[in-house]
Amino acid sequence: MSLLSSHCANFDTLRQAAFNNDLALMDCRHRDTGEPIAVLSAANRLPRGEIGFVPLAMLFNDNPYEFLVPPTAPETDALPATDMNHDPPTSPPREATS
């Protein structure tokens, strides 16, 4: 599989945000097409009470079972390889816990 270390870091950020009740569902739009996209974001609490939203995942607009092949499915071997060697997004800094 082609999970990057940044995927794992973003997943950990998502779990921590959910645990802290700092998870937001945002109604965004695709920059190129204008298509509406539901985005899961972490609410990053900033100084002076400000909140910055860190997008972590997009939700499917259609039936995801029509688009995905489970990693254990035999047809996975026949799929073309993709280039995952790109600059991954960076996750927000974690707040210190006491």
Protein backbone atom coordinates (compact mmCIF):
# COMPACT_ATOMS: atom_id res chain seq x y z
CA MET A 1 0.00 0.00 0.00
CA SER A 2 1.15 3.56 -0.44
CA LEU A 3 0.37 5.22 2.87
CA LEU A 4 2.80 8.02 3.55
CA SER A 5 4.06 8.94 6.99
CA SER A 6 2.14 12.21 6.59
CA HIS A 7 -1.09 10.20 6.21
CA CYS A 8 -0.42 8.58 9.57
CA ALA A 9 0.41 11.97 11.12
CA ASN A 10 -2.81 13.49 9.74
CA PHE A 11 -4.78 10.49 11.01
CA ASP A 12 -3.30 10.99 14.48
CA THR A 13 -4.22 14.69 14.30
CA LEU A 14 -7.76 13.72 13.27
CA ARG A 15 -8.09 11.29 16.18
CA GLN A 16 -6.75 13.85 18.67
CA ALA A 17 -9.09 16.54 17.33
CA ALA A 18 -12.06 14.17 17.69
CA PHE A 19 -11.00 13.27 21.24
CA ASN A 20 -10.72 16.98 22.15
CA ASN A 21 -14.02 17.91 20.45
CA ASP A 22 -12.00 20.07 18.06
CA LEU A 23 -13.28 18.47 14.86
CA ALA A 24 -15.27 20.46 12.31
CA LEU A 25 -17.21 19.49 9.20
CA MET A 26 -16.80 22.27 6.66
CA ASP A 27 -18.62 22.97 3.40
CA CYS A 28 -15.83 23.82 0.96
CA ARG A 29 -15.51 24.03 -2.82
CA HIS A 30 -12.95 22.50 -5.17
CA ARG A 31 -10.62 25.27 -6.30
CA ASP A 32 -10.65 24.26 -10.00
CA THR A 33 -14.19 22.98 -10.55
CA GLY A 34 -16.26 24.73 -7.89
CA GLU A 35 -17.71 21.37 -6.87
CA PRO A 36 -18.90 21.29 -3.25
CA ILE A 37 -16.74 19.16 -0.97
CA ALA A 38 -17.37 18.19 2.64
CA VAL A 39 -14.07 18.48 4.53
CA LEU A 40 -13.15 17.19 7.99
CA SER A 41 -10.94 19.76 9.69
CA ALA A 42 -9.20 20.10 13.02
CA ALA A 43 -9.92 23.31 14.89
CA ASN A 44 -6.53 24.66 15.93
CA ARG A 45 -6.94 27.05 18.86
CA LEU A 46 -4.69 30.08 18.39
CA PRO A 47 -3.69 32.91 20.74
CA ARG A 48 -6.31 35.54 21.54
CA GLY A 49 -9.17 33.06 21.08
CA GLU A 50 -8.78 32.71 17.33
CA ILE A 51 -9.35 29.37 15.62
CA GLY A 52 -7.52 28.13 12.53
CA PHE A 53 -9.00 25.22 10.62
CA VAL A 54 -6.67 22.53 9.31
CA PRO A 55 -8.24 20.42 6.53
CA LEU A 56 -7.49 16.73 7.04
CA ALA A 57 -9.89 14.67 4.90
CA MET A 58 -12.51 15.00 2.19
CA LEU A 59 -15.76 13.06 2.33
CA PHE A 60 -17.21 11.31 -0.69
CA ASN A 61 -20.07 13.05 -2.48
CA ASP A 62 -21.21 9.77 -4.05
CA ASN A 63 -21.25 6.14 -3.03
CA PRO A 64 -17.63 5.35 -2.00
CA TYR A 65 -18.10 1.65 -2.76
CA GLU A 66 -18.32 2.57 -6.44
CA PHE A 67 -14.87 4.23 -6.33
CA LEU A 68 -12.78 2.14 -3.95
CA VAL A 69 -11.13 -1.25 -4.16
CA PRO A 70 -10.26 -2.74 -0.73
CA PRO A 71 -6.53 -3.45 -0.31
CA THR A 72 -7.25 -7.18 0.13
CA ALA A 73 -9.30 -7.53 -3.09
CA PRO A 74 -7.64 -9.65 -5.81
CA GLU A 75 -8.21 -6.95 -8.44
CA THR A 76 -5.90 -4.61 -6.48
CA ASP A 77 -2.90 -6.36 -8.05
CA ALA A 78 -4.10 -5.45 -11.55
CA LEU A 79 -4.50 -1.73 -10.83
CA PRO A 80 -1.90 0.68 -12.22
CA ALA A 81 0.65 2.02 -9.77
CA THR A 82 0.39 5.69 -8.86
CA ASP A 83 3.16 8.07 -7.99
CA MET A 84 2.80 8.99 -4.34
CA ASN A 85 6.18 10.76 -4.28
CA HIS A 86 4.90 14.28 -3.81
CA ASP A 87 5.25 16.81 -1.07
CA PRO A 88 2.70 15.74 1.53
CA PRO A 89 0.75 18.29 3.53
CA THR A 90 2.17 19.11 6.90
CA SER A 91 0.15 18.53 10.03
CA PRO A 92 -0.42 21.30 12.56
CA PRO A 93 1.85 21.47 15.59
CA ARG A 94 0.51 19.58 18.57
CA GLU A 95 -0.36 21.52 21.69
CA ALA A 96 1.53 20.51 24.80
CA THR A 97 -0.55 18.50 27.24
CA SER A 98 -0.07 18.79 30.95
